[in-house]
Amino acid sequence: FLPAMVKYIDENMRKGEEIKGHMLFTTMTTTAGVVTSLMGGFILDI
């Protein structure tokens, strides 16, 4: 999934958009970390 997404972004983004494409992908993976951290900590305690 990871290299396929990186290649997909590189092939489909225009010059000047590549980092934004990678940023959106990483922002979502980071947001997943937020959800997991909050959810996981409380679920594990309870």
All heavy atoms as atom14 arrays in JSON, in Angstrom:
{
  "sequence": "FLPAMVKYIDENMRKGEEIKGHMLFTTMTTTAGVVTSLMGGFILDI",
  "atom14_mask": [
    [1, 1, 1, 1, 1, 1, 1, 1, 1, 1, 1, 0, 0, 0],
    [1, 1, 1, 1, 1, 1, 1, 1, 0, 0, 0, 0, 0, 0],
    [1, 1, 1, 1, 1, 1, 1, 0, 0, 0, 0, 0, 0, 0],
    [1, 1, 1, 1, 1, 0, 0, 0, 0, 0, 0, 0, 0, 0],
    [1, 1, 1, 1, 1, 1, 1, 1, 0, 0, 0, 0, 0, 0],
    [1, 1, 1, 1, 1, 1, 1, 0, 0, 0, 0, 0, 0, 0],
    [1, 1, 1, 1, 1, 1, 1, 1, 1, 0, 0, 0, 0, 0],
    [1, 1, 1, 1, 1, 1, 1, 1, 1, 1, 1, 1, 0, 0],
    [1, 1, 1, 1, 1, 1, 1, 1, 0, 0, 0, 0, 0, 0],
    [1, 1, 1, 1, 1, 1, 1, 1, 0, 0, 0, 0, 0, 0],
    [1, 1, 1, 1, 1, 1, 1, 1, 1, 0, 0, 0, 0, 0],
    [1, 1, 1, 1, 1, 1, 1, 1, 0, 0, 0, 0, 0, 0],
    [1, 1, 1, 1, 1, 1, 1, 1, 0, 0, 0, 0, 0, 0],
    [1, 1, 1, 1, 1, 1, 1, 1, 1, 1, 1, 0, 0, 0],
    [1, 1, 1, 1, 1, 1, 1, 1, 1, 0, 0, 0, 0, 0],
    [1, 1, 1, 1, 0, 0, 0, 0, 0, 0, 0, 0, 0, 0],
    [1, 1, 1, 1, 1, 1, 1, 1, 1, 0, 0, 0, 0, 0],
    [1, 1, 1, 1, 1, 1, 1, 1, 1, 0, 0, 0, 0, 0],
    [1, 1, 1, 1, 1, 1, 1, 1, 0, 0, 0, 0, 0, 0],
    [1, 1, 1, 1, 1, 1, 1, 1, 1, 0, 0, 0, 0, 0],
    [1, 1, 1, 1, 0, 0, 0, 0, 0, 0, 0, 0, 0, 0],
    [1, 1, 1, 1, 1, 1, 1, 1, 1, 1, 0, 0, 0, 0],
    [1, 1, 1, 1, 1, 1, 1, 1, 0, 0, 0, 0, 0, 0],
    [1, 1, 1, 1, 1, 1, 1, 1, 0, 0, 0, 0, 0, 0],
    [1, 1, 1, 1, 1, 1, 1, 1, 1, 1, 1, 0, 0, 0],
    [1, 1, 1, 1, 1, 1, 1, 0, 0, 0, 0, 0, 0, 0],
    [1, 1, 1, 1, 1, 1, 1, 0, 0, 0, 0, 0, 0, 0],
    [1, 1, 1, 1, 1, 1, 1, 1, 0, 0, 0, 0, 0, 0],
    [1, 1, 1, 1, 1, 1, 1, 0, 0, 0, 0, 0, 0, 0],
    [1, 1, 1, 1, 1, 1, 1, 0, 0, 0, 0, 0, 0, 0],
    [1, 1, 1, 1, 1, 1, 1, 0, 0, 0, 0, 0, 0, 0],
    [1, 1, 1, 1, 1, 0, 0, 0, 0, 0, 0, 0, 0, 0],
    [1, 1, 1, 1, 0, 0, 0, 0, 0, 0, 0, 0, 0, 0],
    [1, 1, 1, 1, 1, 1, 1, 0, 0, 0, 0, 0, 0, 0],
    [1, 1, 1, 1, 1, 1, 1, 0, 0, 0, 0, 0, 0, 0],
    [1, 1, 1, 1, 1, 1, 1, 0, 0, 0, 0, 0, 0, 0],
    [1, 1, 1, 1, 1, 1, 0, 0, 0, 0, 0, 0, 0, 0],
    [1, 1, 1, 1, 1, 1, 1, 1, 0, 0, 0, 0, 0, 0],
    [1, 1, 1, 1, 1, 1, 1, 1, 0, 0, 0, 0, 0, 0],
    [1, 1, 1, 1, 0, 0, 0, 0, 0, 0, 0, 0, 0, 0],
    [1, 1, 1, 1, 0, 0, 0, 0, 0, 0, 0, 0, 0, 0],
    [1, 1, 1, 1, 1, 1, 1, 1, 1, 1, 1, 0, 0, 0],
    [1, 1, 1, 1, 1, 1, 1, 1, 0, 0, 0, 0, 0, 0],
    [1, 1, 1, 1, 1, 1, 1, 1, 0, 0, 0, 0, 0, 0],
    [1, 1, 1, 1, 1, 1, 1, 1, 0, 0, 0, 0, 0, 0],
    [1, 1, 1, 1, 1, 1, 1, 1, 0, 0, 0, 0, 0, 0]
  ],
  "atom14_positions": [
    [[0.82, -1.21, 0.0], [0.0, 0.0, 0.0], [0.85, 1.27, 0.0], [0.59, 2.2, -0.77], [-0.94, 0.01, 1.21], [-1.99, 1.08, 1.15], [-3.22, 0.82, 0.57], [-1.76, 2.35, 1.67], [-4.2, 1.81, 0.5], [-2.73, 3.34, 1.61], [-3.95, 3.07, 1.02], [0.0, 0.0, 0.0], [0.0, 0.0, 0.0], [0.0, 0.0, 0.0]],
    [[1.88, 1.32, 0.87], [2.68, 2.54, 0.99], [3.42, 2.91, -0.3], [3.24, 4.02, -0.8], [3.66, 2.41, 2.15], [4.65, 3.57, 2.32], [3.92, 4.87, 2.57], [5.64, 3.29, 3.44], [0.0, 0.0, 0.0], [0.0, 0.0, 0.0], [0.0, 0.0, 0.0], [0.0, 0.0, 0.0], [0.0, 0.0, 0.0], [0.0, 0.0, 0.0]],
    [[4.23, 2.02, -0.89], [4.91, 2.41, -2.14], [3.94, 2.65, -3.29], [4.2, 3.5, -4.15], [5.85, 1.24, -2.43], [5.31, 0.09, -1.66], [4.66, 0.67, -0.45], [0.0, 0.0, 0.0], [0.0, 0.0, 0.0], [0.0, 0.0, 0.0], [0.0, 0.0, 0.0], [0.0, 0.0, 0.0], [0.0, 0.0, 0.0], [0.0, 0.0, 0.0]],
    [[2.8, 1.93, -3.28], [1.8, 2.14, -4.33], [1.19, 3.54, -4.22], [0.97, 4.22, -5.24], [0.71, 1.07, -4.26], [0.0, 0.0, 0.0], [0.0, 0.0, 0.0], [0.0, 0.0, 0.0], [0.0, 0.0, 0.0], [0.0, 0.0, 0.0], [0.0, 0.0, 0.0], [0.0, 0.0, 0.0], [0.0, 0.0, 0.0], [0.0, 0.0, 0.0]],
    [[0.93, 3.98, -2.99], [0.37, 5.32, -2.8], [1.39, 6.39, -3.16], [1.04, 7.41, -3.79], [-0.09, 5.49, -1.35], [-0.7, 6.86, -1.06], [-2.14, 7.25, -2.08], [-3.45, 6.54, -1.09], [0.0, 0.0, 0.0], [0.0, 0.0, 0.0], [0.0, 0.0, 0.0], [0.0, 0.0, 0.0], [0.0, 0.0, 0.0], [0.0, 0.0, 0.0]],
    [[2.65, 6.18, -2.79], [3.7, 7.15, -3.13], [3.82, 7.27, -4.66], [3.9, 8.37, -5.21], [5.05, 6.75, -2.5], [6.19, 7.61, -3.06], [4.99, 6.9, -0.98], [0.0, 0.0, 0.0], [0.0, 0.0, 0.0], [0.0, 0.0, 0.0], [0.0, 0.0, 0.0], [0.0, 0.0, 0.0], [0.0, 0.0, 0.0], [0.0, 0.0, 0.0]],
    [[3.84, 6.12, -5.34], [3.94, 6.15, -6.81], [2.69, 6.77, -7.43], [2.79, 7.53, -8.4], [4.15, 4.73, -7.35], [4.36, 4.7, -8.86], [4.64, 3.3, -9.38], [4.86, 3.33, -10.89], [5.12, 1.98, -11.45], [0.0, 0.0, 0.0], [0.0, 0.0, 0.0], [0.0, 0.0, 0.0], [0.0, 0.0, 0.0], [0.0, 0.0, 0.0]],
    [[1.53, 6.45, -6.87], [0.28, 7.02, -7.38], [0.32, 8.54, -7.3], [-0.06, 9.24, -8.25], [-0.91, 6.47, -6.58], [-2.25, 6.98, -7.06], [-2.93, 6.32, -8.08], [-2.82, 8.12, -6.51], [-4.16, 6.8, -8.54], [-4.04, 8.6, -6.96], [-4.71, 7.94, -7.97], [-5.92, 8.41, -8.43], [0.0, 0.0, 0.0], [0.0, 0.0, 0.0]],
    [[0.8, 9.06, -6.17], [0.89, 10.52, -5.99], [1.88, 11.11, -6.99], [1.6, 12.11, -7.65], [1.3, 10.86, -4.54], [0.17, 10.49, -3.58], [1.66, 12.34, -4.41], [0.57, 10.54, -2.12], [0.0, 0.0, 0.0], [0.0, 0.0, 0.0], [0.0, 0.0, 0.0], [0.0, 0.0, 0.0], [0.0, 0.0, 0.0], [0.0, 0.0, 0.0]],
    [[3.04, 10.49, -7.11], [4.08, 11.01, -8.02], [3.61, 11.02, -9.47], [3.97, 11.9, -10.25], [5.36, 10.18, -7.9], [6.08, 10.43, -6.58], [5.77, 11.44, -5.91], [6.96, 9.61, -6.22], [0.0, 0.0, 0.0], [0.0, 0.0, 0.0], [0.0, 0.0, 0.0], [0.0, 0.0, 0.0], [0.0, 0.0, 0.0], [0.0, 0.0, 0.0]],
    [[2.8, 10.03, -9.84], [2.32, 9.93, -11.23], [1.16, 10.86, -11.52], [0.95, 11.26, -12.67], [1.89, 8.5, -11.54], [3.05, 7.51, -11.65], [2.6, 6.09, -11.94], [1.39, 5.78, -11.73], [3.43, 5.28, -12.36], [0.0, 0.0, 0.0], [0.0, 0.0, 0.0], [0.0, 0.0, 0.0], [0.0, 0.0, 0.0], [0.0, 0.0, 0.0]],
    [[0.39, 11.22, -10.5], [-0.85, 11.96, -10.73], [-0.8, 13.43, -10.31], [-1.72, 14.19, -10.64], [-2.01, 11.27, -10.02], [-2.44, 9.99, -10.71], [-3.21, 10.0, -11.66], [-1.91, 8.86, -10.24], [0.0, 0.0, 0.0], [0.0, 0.0, 0.0], [0.0, 0.0, 0.0], [0.0, 0.0, 0.0], [0.0, 0.0, 0.0], [0.0, 0.0, 0.0]],
    [[0.24, 13.84, -9.59], [0.34, 15.23, -9.16], [1.22, 16.02, -10.11], [2.26, 15.53, -10.56], [0.91, 15.33, -7.74], [0.1, 14.58, -6.7], [-1.56, 15.25, -6.49], [-2.5, 13.75, -6.19], [0.0, 0.0, 0.0], [0.0, 0.0, 0.0], [0.0, 0.0, 0.0], [0.0, 0.0, 0.0], [0.0, 0.0, 0.0], [0.0, 0.0, 0.0]],
    [[0.83, 17.24, -10.41], [1.65, 18.12, -11.23], [2.85, 18.62, -10.43], [2.87, 18.54, -9.21], [0.83, 19.32, -11.7], [-0.36, 18.96, -12.56], [-1.23, 20.19, -12.8], [-2.39, 19.89, -13.62], [-3.38, 20.76, -13.83], [-3.34, 21.96, -13.28], [-4.41, 20.41, -14.59], [0.0, 0.0, 0.0], [0.0, 0.0, 0.0], [0.0, 0.0, 0.0]],
    [[3.83, 19.16, -11.15], [4.98, 19.75, -10.47], [4.5, 20.91, -9.6], [3.75, 21.77, -10.04], [6.02, 20.24, -11.48], [7.3, 20.72, -10.82], [8.37, 21.06, -11.83], [9.63, 21.5, -11.1], [10.71, 21.87, -12.04], [0.0, 0.0, 0.0], [0.0, 0.0, 0.0], [0.0, 0.0, 0.0], [0.0, 0.0, 0.0], [0.0, 0.0, 0.0]],
    [[4.94, 20.93, -8.37], [4.48, 21.94, -7.42], [3.37, 21.42, -6.53], [2.97, 22.07, -5.58], [0.0, 0.0, 0.0], [0.0, 0.0, 0.0], [0.0, 0.0, 0.0], [0.0, 0.0, 0.0], [0.0, 0.0, 0.0], [0.0, 0.0, 0.0], [0.0, 0.0, 0.0], [0.0, 0.0, 0.0], [0.0, 0.0, 0.0], [0.0, 0.0, 0.0]],
    [[2.85, 20.22, -6.87], [1.79, 19.61, -6.06], [2.26, 18.37, -5.3], [1.55, 17.9, -4.41], [0.6, 19.19, -6.96], [-0.15, 20.32, -7.6], [-1.35, 19.82, -8.41], [-1.37, 18.62, -8.78], [-2.26, 20.62, -8.67], [0.0, 0.0, 0.0], [0.0, 0.0, 0.0], [0.0, 0.0, 0.0], [0.0, 0.0, 0.0], [0.0, 0.0, 0.0]],
    [[3.45, 17.85, -5.66], [3.85, 16.55, -5.12], [3.9, 16.53, -3.59], [3.34, 15.62, -2.96], [5.23, 16.12, -5.66], [5.34, 16.16, -7.16], [6.2, 17.32, -7.61], [5.94, 18.46, -7.14], [7.12, 17.11, -8.41], [0.0, 0.0, 0.0], [0.0, 0.0, 0.0], [0.0, 0.0, 0.0], [0.0, 0.0, 0.0], [0.0, 0.0, 0.0]],
    [[4.55, 17.54, -3.0], [4.68, 17.55, -1.55], [3.31, 17.7, -0.89], [3.05, 17.09, 0.15], [5.63, 18.67, -1.08], [7.04, 18.45, -1.64], [5.69, 18.73, 0.44], [7.71, 17.17, -1.15], [0.0, 0.0, 0.0], [0.0, 0.0, 0.0], [0.0, 0.0, 0.0], [0.0, 0.0, 0.0], [0.0, 0.0, 0.0], [0.0, 0.0, 0.0]],
    [[2.42, 18.46, -1.51], [1.06, 18.59, -0.96], [0.33, 17.25, -1.02], [-0.44, 16.91, -0.12], [0.27, 19.66, -1.71], [0.73, 21.09, -1.44], [-0.22, 22.08, -2.1], [0.26, 23.5, -1.86], [1.5, 23.83, -2.59], [0.0, 0.0, 0.0], [0.0, 0.0, 0.0], [0.0, 0.0, 0.0], [0.0, 0.0, 0.0], [0.0, 0.0, 0.0]],
    [[0.55, 16.5, -2.11], [-0.06, 15.18, -2.21], [0.45, 14.25, -1.12], [-0.34, 13.56, -0.45], [0.0, 0.0, 0.0], [0.0, 0.0, 0.0], [0.0, 0.0, 0.0], [0.0, 0.0, 0.0], [0.0, 0.0, 0.0], [0.0, 0.0, 0.0], [0.0, 0.0, 0.0], [0.0, 0.0, 0.0], [0.0, 0.0, 0.0], [0.0, 0.0, 0.0]],
    [[1.76, 14.24, -0.92], [2.34, 13.42, 0.15], [1.9, 13.94, 1.52], [1.68, 13.16, 2.45], [3.87, 13.43, 0.06], [4.4, 12.67, -1.12], [4.26, 11.31, -1.25], [5.07, 13.09, -2.23], [4.83, 10.91, -2.38], [5.32, 11.97, -2.99], [0.0, 0.0, 0.0], [0.0, 0.0, 0.0], [0.0, 0.0, 0.0], [0.0, 0.0, 0.0]],
    [[1.76, 15.27, 1.64], [1.32, 15.85, 2.9], [-0.1, 15.4, 3.25], [-0.37, 15.05, 4.4], [1.38, 17.38, 2.8], [0.83, 18.13, 4.02], [-0.99, 18.34, 4.0], [-1.24, 19.22, 2.47], [0.0, 0.0, 0.0], [0.0, 0.0, 0.0], [0.0, 0.0, 0.0], [0.0, 0.0, 0.0], [0.0, 0.0, 0.0], [0.0, 0.0, 0.0]],
    [[-1.01, 15.4, 2.25], [-2.38, 14.98, 2.52], [-2.41, 13.52, 2.97], [-3.09, 13.17, 3.95], [-3.24, 15.15, 1.26], [-4.7, 14.69, 1.38], [-5.42, 15.45, 2.51], [-5.43, 14.9, 0.05], [0.0, 0.0, 0.0], [0.0, 0.0, 0.0], [0.0, 0.0, 0.0], [0.0, 0.0, 0.0], [0.0, 0.0, 0.0], [0.0, 0.0, 0.0]],
    [[-1.66, 12.68, 2.28], [-1.56, 11.26, 2.65], [-1.03, 11.11, 4.08], [-1.62, 10.42, 4.91], [-0.65, 10.55, 1.65], [-0.31, 9.13, 2.01], [-1.29, 8.22, 2.36], [1.0, 8.69, 1.98], [-0.98, 6.89, 2.69], [1.34, 7.38, 2.3], [0.34, 6.49, 2.66], [0.0, 0.0, 0.0], [0.0, 0.0, 0.0], [0.0, 0.0, 0.0]],
    [[0.06, 11.81, 4.39], [0.66, 11.69, 5.71], [-0.22, 12.34, 6.78], [-0.26, 11.88, 7.92], [2.07, 12.32, 5.73], [2.83, 11.76, 4.66], [2.77, 12.04, 7.04], [0.0, 0.0, 0.0], [0.0, 0.0, 0.0], [0.0, 0.0, 0.0], [0.0, 0.0, 0.0], [0.0, 0.0, 0.0], [0.0, 0.0, 0.0], [0.0, 0.0, 0.0]],
    [[-0.92, 13.42, 6.42], [-1.84, 14.05, 7.37], [-2.91, 13.06, 7.8], [-3.27, 12.99, 8.99], [-2.49, 15.31, 6.75], [-1.48, 16.28, 6.5], [-3.54, 15.9, 7.69], [0.0, 0.0, 0.0], [0.0, 0.0, 0.0], [0.0, 0.0, 0.0], [0.0, 0.0, 0.0], [0.0, 0.0, 0.0], [0.0, 0.0, 0.0], [0.0, 0.0, 0.0]],
    [[-3.41, 12.28, 6.85], [-4.44, 11.3, 7.2], [-3.86, 10.17, 8.05], [-4.52, 9.69, 8.99], [-5.07, 10.74, 5.92], [-5.99, 11.71, 5.23], [-7.3, 12.33, 6.32], [-8.24, 13.36, 5.2], [0.0, 0.0, 0.0], [0.0, 0.0, 0.0], [0.0, 0.0, 0.0], [0.0, 0.0, 0.0], [0.0, 0.0, 0.0], [0.0, 0.0, 0.0]],
    [[-2.64, 9.74, 7.73], [-2.03, 8.69, 8.57], [-1.74, 9.23, 9.96], [-1.85, 8.51, 10.95], [-0.73, 8.15, 7.93], [0.26, 9.18, 7.88], [-0.99, 7.64, 6.52], [0.0, 0.0, 0.0], [0.0, 0.0, 0.0], [0.0, 0.0, 0.0], [0.0, 0.0, 0.0], [0.0, 0.0, 0.0], [0.0, 0.0, 0.0], [0.0, 0.0, 0.0]],
    [[-1.38, 10.52, 10.04], [-1.13, 11.14, 11.33], [-2.42, 11.32, 12.12], [-2.46, 11.1, 13.34], [-0.44, 12.5, 11.15], [0.73, 12.34, 10.34], [-0.03, 13.1, 12.48], [0.0, 0.0, 0.0], [0.0, 0.0, 0.0], [0.0, 0.0, 0.0], [0.0, 0.0, 0.0], [0.0, 0.0, 0.0], [0.0, 0.0, 0.0], [0.0, 0.0, 0.0]],
    [[-3.49, 11.71, 11.42], [-4.79, 11.84, 12.07], [-5.24, 10.48, 12.6], [-5.85, 10.39, 13.68], [-5.84, 12.39, 11.07], [-5.39, 13.64, 10.57], [-7.19, 12.57, 11.75], [0.0, 0.0, 0.0], [0.0, 0.0, 0.0], [0.0, 0.0, 0.0], [0.0, 0.0, 0.0], [0.0, 0.0, 0.0], [0.0, 0.0, 0.0], [0.0, 0.0, 0.0]],
    [[-4.93, 9.43, 11.86], [-5.22, 8.08, 12.35], [-4.5, 7.83, 13.66], [-5.03, 7.18, 14.57], [-4.8, 7.03, 11.31], [0.0, 0.0, 0.0], [0.0, 0.0, 0.0], [0.0, 0.0, 0.0], [0.0, 0.0, 0.0], [0.0, 0.0, 0.0], [0.0, 0.0, 0.0], [0.0, 0.0, 0.0], [0.0, 0.0, 0.0], [0.0, 0.0, 0.0]],
    [[-3.29, 8.36, 13.78], [-2.55, 8.25, 15.03], [-3.24, 8.98, 16.17], [-3.24, 8.5, 17.31], [0.0, 0.0, 0.0], [0.0, 0.0, 0.0], [0.0, 0.0, 0.0], [0.0, 0.0, 0.0], [0.0, 0.0, 0.0], [0.0, 0.0, 0.0], [0.0, 0.0, 0.0], [0.0, 0.0, 0.0], [0.0, 0.0, 0.0], [0.0, 0.0, 0.0]],
    [[-3.84, 10.14, 15.87], [-4.59, 10.9, 16.88], [-5.78, 10.08, 17.38], [-5.99, 9.9, 18.58], [-5.1, 12.24, 16.3], [-5.97, 12.96, 17.32], [-3.93, 13.12, 15.88], [0.0, 0.0, 0.0], [0.0, 0.0, 0.0], [0.0, 0.0, 0.0], [0.0, 0.0, 0.0], [0.0, 0.0, 0.0], [0.0, 0.0, 0.0], [0.0, 0.0, 0.0]],
    [[-6.57, 9.58, 16.41], [-7.76, 8.79, 16.75], [-7.37, 7.57, 17.58], [-7.97, 7.27, 18.62], [-8.5, 8.35, 15.46], [-9.64, 7.4, 15.8], [-9.0, 9.57, 14.71], [0.0, 0.0, 0.0], [0.0, 0.0, 0.0], [0.0, 0.0, 0.0], [0.0, 0.0, 0.0], [0.0, 0.0, 0.0], [0.0, 0.0, 0.0], [0.0, 0.0, 0.0]],
    [[-6.34, 6.87, 17.1], [-5.9, 5.65, 17.78], [-5.38, 5.92, 19.18], [-5.68, 5.19, 20.13], [-4.79, 4.95, 16.96], [-5.29, 4.7, 15.64], [-4.38, 3.64, 17.59], [0.0, 0.0, 0.0], [0.0, 0.0, 0.0], [0.0, 0.0, 0.0], [0.0, 0.0, 0.0], [0.0, 0.0, 0.0], [0.0, 0.0, 0.0], [0.0, 0.0, 0.0]],
    [[-4.6, 6.99, 19.33], [-4.0, 7.3, 20.62], [-5.06, 7.61, 21.67], [-5.02, 7.09, 22.79], [-3.04, 8.48, 20.48], [-2.04, 8.2, 19.55], [0.0, 0.0, 0.0], [0.0, 0.0, 0.0], [0.0, 0.0, 0.0], [0.0, 0.0, 0.0], [0.0, 0.0, 0.0], [0.0, 0.0, 0.0], [0.0, 0.0, 0.0], [0.0, 0.0, 0.0]],
    [[-6.01, 8.47, 21.31], [-7.07, 8.83, 22.26], [-7.98, 7.64, 22.54], [-8.25, 7.3, 23.69], [-7.88, 10.01, 21.71], [-7.16, 11.35, 21.64], [-8.02, 12.38, 20.92], [-6.79, 11.84, 23.03], [0.0, 0.0, 0.0], [0.0, 0.0, 0.0], [0.0, 0.0, 0.0], [0.0, 0.0, 0.0], [0.0, 0.0, 0.0], [0.0, 0.0, 0.0]],
    [[-8.43, 7.0, 21.47], [-9.31, 5.85, 21.59], [-8.61, 4.7, 22.32], [-9.15, 4.11, 23.26], [-9.74, 5.4, 20.19], [-10.52, 4.11, 20.14], [-10.87, 3.64, 18.42], [-9.24, 3.04, 17.89], [0.0, 0.0, 0.0], [0.0, 0.0, 0.0], [0.0, 0.0, 0.0], [0.0, 0.0, 0.0], [0.0, 0.0, 0.0], [0.0, 0.0, 0.0]],
    [[-7.36, 4.42, 21.9], [-6.64, 3.28, 22.45], [-6.33, 3.42, 23.92], [-6.5, 2.47, 24.69], [0.0, 0.0, 0.0], [0.0, 0.0, 0.0], [0.0, 0.0, 0.0], [0.0, 0.0, 0.0], [0.0, 0.0, 0.0], [0.0, 0.0, 0.0], [0.0, 0.0, 0.0], [0.0, 0.0, 0.0], [0.0, 0.0, 0.0], [0.0, 0.0, 0.0]],
    [[-5.87, 4.59, 24.33], [-5.52, 4.79, 25.74], [-6.7, 4.55, 26.66], [-6.59, 3.84, 27.67], [0.0, 0.0, 0.0], [0.0, 0.0, 0.0], [0.0, 0.0, 0.0], [0.0, 0.0, 0.0], [0.0, 0.0, 0.0], [0.0, 0.0, 0.0], [0.0, 0.0, 0.0], [0.0, 0.0, 0.0], [0.0, 0.0, 0.0], [0.0, 0.0, 0.0]],
    [[-7.85, 5.11, 26.3], [-9.02, 4.97, 27.16], [-9.61, 3.56, 27.11], [-10.04, 3.02, 28.14], [-10.09, 6.02, 26.78], [-9.71, 7.41, 27.18], [-9.34, 8.35, 26.24], [-9.69, 7.79, 28.53], [-8.96, 9.64, 26.61], [-9.31, 9.06, 28.91], [-8.95, 10.01, 27.95], [0.0, 0.0, 0.0], [0.0, 0.0, 0.0], [0.0, 0.0, 0.0]],
    [[-9.62, 2.95, 25.91], [-10.13, 1.58, 25.81], [-9.27, 0.61, 26.61], [-9.78, -0.28, 27.3], [-10.23, 1.13, 24.32], [-11.36, 1.88, 23.62], [-10.46, -0.38, 24.22], [-11.49, 1.55, 22.14], [0.0, 0.0, 0.0], [0.0, 0.0, 0.0], [0.0, 0.0, 0.0], [0.0, 0.0, 0.0], [0.0, 0.0, 0.0], [0.0, 0.0, 0.0]],
    [[-7.95, 0.79, 26.56], [-7.06, -0.09, 27.31], [-7.23, 0.08, 28.81], [-7.15, -0.9, 29.56], [-5.6, 0.19, 26.92], [-5.17, -0.32, 25.54], [-3.81, 0.26, 25.15], [-5.12, -1.84, 25.51], [0.0, 0.0, 0.0], [0.0, 0.0, 0.0], [0.0, 0.0, 0.0], [0.0, 0.0, 0.0], [0.0, 0.0, 0.0], [0.0, 0.0, 0.0]],
    [[-7.47, 1.3, 29.27], [-7.66, 1.53, 30.71], [-8.99, 0.97, 31.19], [-9.11, 0.47, 32.32], [-7.58, 3.03, 31.03], [-6.14, 3.5, 31.2], [-5.25, 2.64, 31.35], [-5.91, 4.73, 31.17], [0.0, 0.0, 0.0], [0.0, 0.0, 0.0], [0.0, 0.0, 0.0], [0.0, 0.0, 0.0], [0.0, 0.0, 0.0], [0.0, 0.0, 0.0]],
    [[-10.02, 1.04, 30.34], [-11.37, 0.62, 30.76], [-11.66, -0.83, 30.37], [-12.27, -1.58, 31.16], [-12.43, 1.55, 30.13], [-12.21, 2.99, 30.61], [-13.84, 1.09, 30.5], [-13.06, 4.01, 29.89], [0.0, 0.0, 0.0], [0.0, 0.0, 0.0], [0.0, 0.0, 0.0], [0.0, 0.0, 0.0], [0.0, 0.0, 0.0], [0.0, 0.0, 0.0]]
  ]
}
